[in-house]
Amino acid sequence: MGAILEAAMEVQGVFLEEVLGSKTKIRILYTLFKRDKESYFEKELAIACGSSVSEVNRQMNSLVEFGLVLYHKEGRLKIYKLNPAHFLYKPLKDLFTVSG
């Protein structure tokens, strides 16, 4: 395991597996970190990740609750973006940049 990942797992007692607990979450975070877009509608994020909208919605709820992802609504549309102020933002950005 890389030093960045190990450091991220120890920060403030939060275990990274809670953030990356599913393949869908990994795909979502990979998409959010690797793409040039700042924010995504829920449906376009699902398409980019190759997942259903309902699965993206289910996984995004925990990422939003954890604070790593921010969201707001425009009418009935949910719009998601990464929270650069979150303490895991930089380690995860480094991880997804190195791994991709």
Protein backbone atom coordinates (compact mmCIF):
# COMPACT_ATOMS: atom_id res chain seq x y z
CA MET A 1 0.00 0.00 0.00
CA GLY A 2 1.36 3.44 -0.91
CA ALA A 3 2.41 6.01 1.65
CA ILE A 4 -0.32 8.42 0.52
CA LEU A 5 -3.02 5.80 1.01
CA GLU A 6 -1.64 4.77 4.40
CA ALA A 7 -1.49 8.39 5.56
CA ALA A 8 -5.03 8.99 4.38
CA MET A 9 -6.25 5.95 6.31
CA GLU A 10 -4.79 7.28 9.54
CA VAL A 11 -5.91 10.91 9.28
CA GLN A 12 -8.28 11.76 12.14
CA GLY A 13 -9.01 8.09 12.78
CA VAL A 14 -11.11 7.73 9.61
CA PHE A 15 -10.62 4.50 7.70
CA LEU A 16 -10.45 4.90 3.97
CA GLU A 17 -12.44 1.74 3.38
CA GLU A 18 -15.51 3.63 4.61
CA VAL A 19 -15.04 6.06 1.72
CA LEU A 20 -14.03 3.49 -0.91
CA GLY A 21 -16.36 0.72 0.25
CA SER A 22 -17.67 -0.22 -3.20
CA LYS A 23 -16.62 -0.43 -6.82
CA THR A 24 -19.27 2.15 -7.69
CA LYS A 25 -17.81 4.63 -5.18
CA ILE A 26 -14.38 4.07 -6.65
CA ARG A 27 -15.72 4.70 -10.17
CA ILE A 28 -17.54 7.82 -8.98
CA LEU A 29 -14.47 9.25 -7.27
CA TYR A 30 -12.26 8.33 -10.21
CA THR A 31 -14.64 10.16 -12.54
CA LEU A 32 -14.88 13.21 -10.29
CA PHE A 33 -11.10 13.45 -9.83
CA LYS A 34 -10.03 12.60 -13.39
CA ARG A 35 -12.54 14.49 -15.52
CA ASP A 36 -12.21 18.16 -16.37
CA LYS A 37 -15.78 18.94 -15.37
CA GLU A 38 -16.23 20.68 -12.05
CA SER A 39 -19.68 19.22 -11.35
CA TYR A 40 -21.99 16.51 -12.64
CA PHE A 41 -25.70 15.95 -12.84
CA GLU A 42 -26.58 12.65 -11.21
CA LYS A 43 -27.56 11.05 -14.52
CA GLU A 44 -24.41 12.09 -16.38
CA LEU A 45 -22.28 10.83 -13.49
CA ALA A 46 -24.10 7.48 -13.71
CA ILE A 47 -23.41 7.31 -17.45
CA ALA A 48 -19.74 8.24 -16.99
CA CYS A 49 -19.38 5.55 -14.30
CA GLY A 50 -21.32 2.86 -16.15
CA SER A 51 -23.78 2.53 -13.27
CA SER A 52 -27.48 3.04 -12.78
CA VAL A 53 -28.78 6.36 -11.48
CA SER A 54 -30.21 4.60 -8.42
CA GLU A 55 -26.84 3.03 -7.57
CA VAL A 56 -25.03 6.36 -7.99
CA ASN A 57 -27.65 8.00 -5.79
CA ARG A 58 -27.21 5.36 -3.10
CA GLN A 59 -23.42 5.71 -3.09
CA MET A 60 -23.43 9.49 -3.31
CA ASN A 61 -25.52 9.76 -0.16
CA SER A 62 -22.67 8.36 1.91
CA LEU A 63 -20.03 10.48 0.13
CA VAL A 64 -22.12 13.60 0.77
CA GLU A 65 -22.70 12.59 4.40
CA PHE A 66 -18.95 12.03 4.79
CA GLY A 67 -18.35 15.54 3.41
CA LEU A 68 -16.10 14.54 0.51
CA VAL A 69 -18.75 15.43 -2.07
CA LEU A 70 -21.01 18.49 -2.08
CA TYR A 71 -24.35 18.65 -3.81
CA HIS A 72 -27.14 21.05 -4.56
CA LYS A 73 -30.39 20.86 -6.44
CA GLU A 74 -31.55 22.75 -9.49
CA GLY A 75 -35.23 21.93 -9.70
CA ARG A 76 -35.38 18.15 -9.55
CA LEU A 77 -31.77 17.67 -10.69
CA LYS A 78 -29.03 16.81 -8.21
CA ILE A 79 -25.61 18.27 -8.98
CA TYR A 80 -22.48 16.84 -7.35
CA LYS A 81 -18.91 18.09 -7.04
CA LEU A 82 -15.87 17.31 -4.92
CA ASN A 83 -15.24 19.26 -1.73
CA PRO A 84 -11.64 20.52 -1.99
CA ALA A 85 -11.72 21.56 1.69
CA HIS A 86 -12.18 17.95 2.87
CA PHE A 87 -9.10 16.50 4.58
CA LEU A 88 -9.01 13.49 2.22
CA TYR A 89 -9.34 15.54 -0.97
CA LYS A 90 -5.60 15.92 -1.64
CA PRO A 91 -4.57 12.34 -0.74
CA LEU A 92 -7.38 10.93 -2.88
CA LYS A 93 -6.60 13.29 -5.74
CA ASP A 94 -2.97 12.15 -5.60
CA LEU A 95 -4.09 8.50 -5.48
CA PHE A 96 -6.44 8.76 -8.44
CA THR A 97 -3.94 10.84 -10.44
CA VAL A 98 -1.18 8.25 -9.88
CA SER A 99 -3.45 5.25 -10.51
CA GLY A 100 -4.94 6.55 -13.75
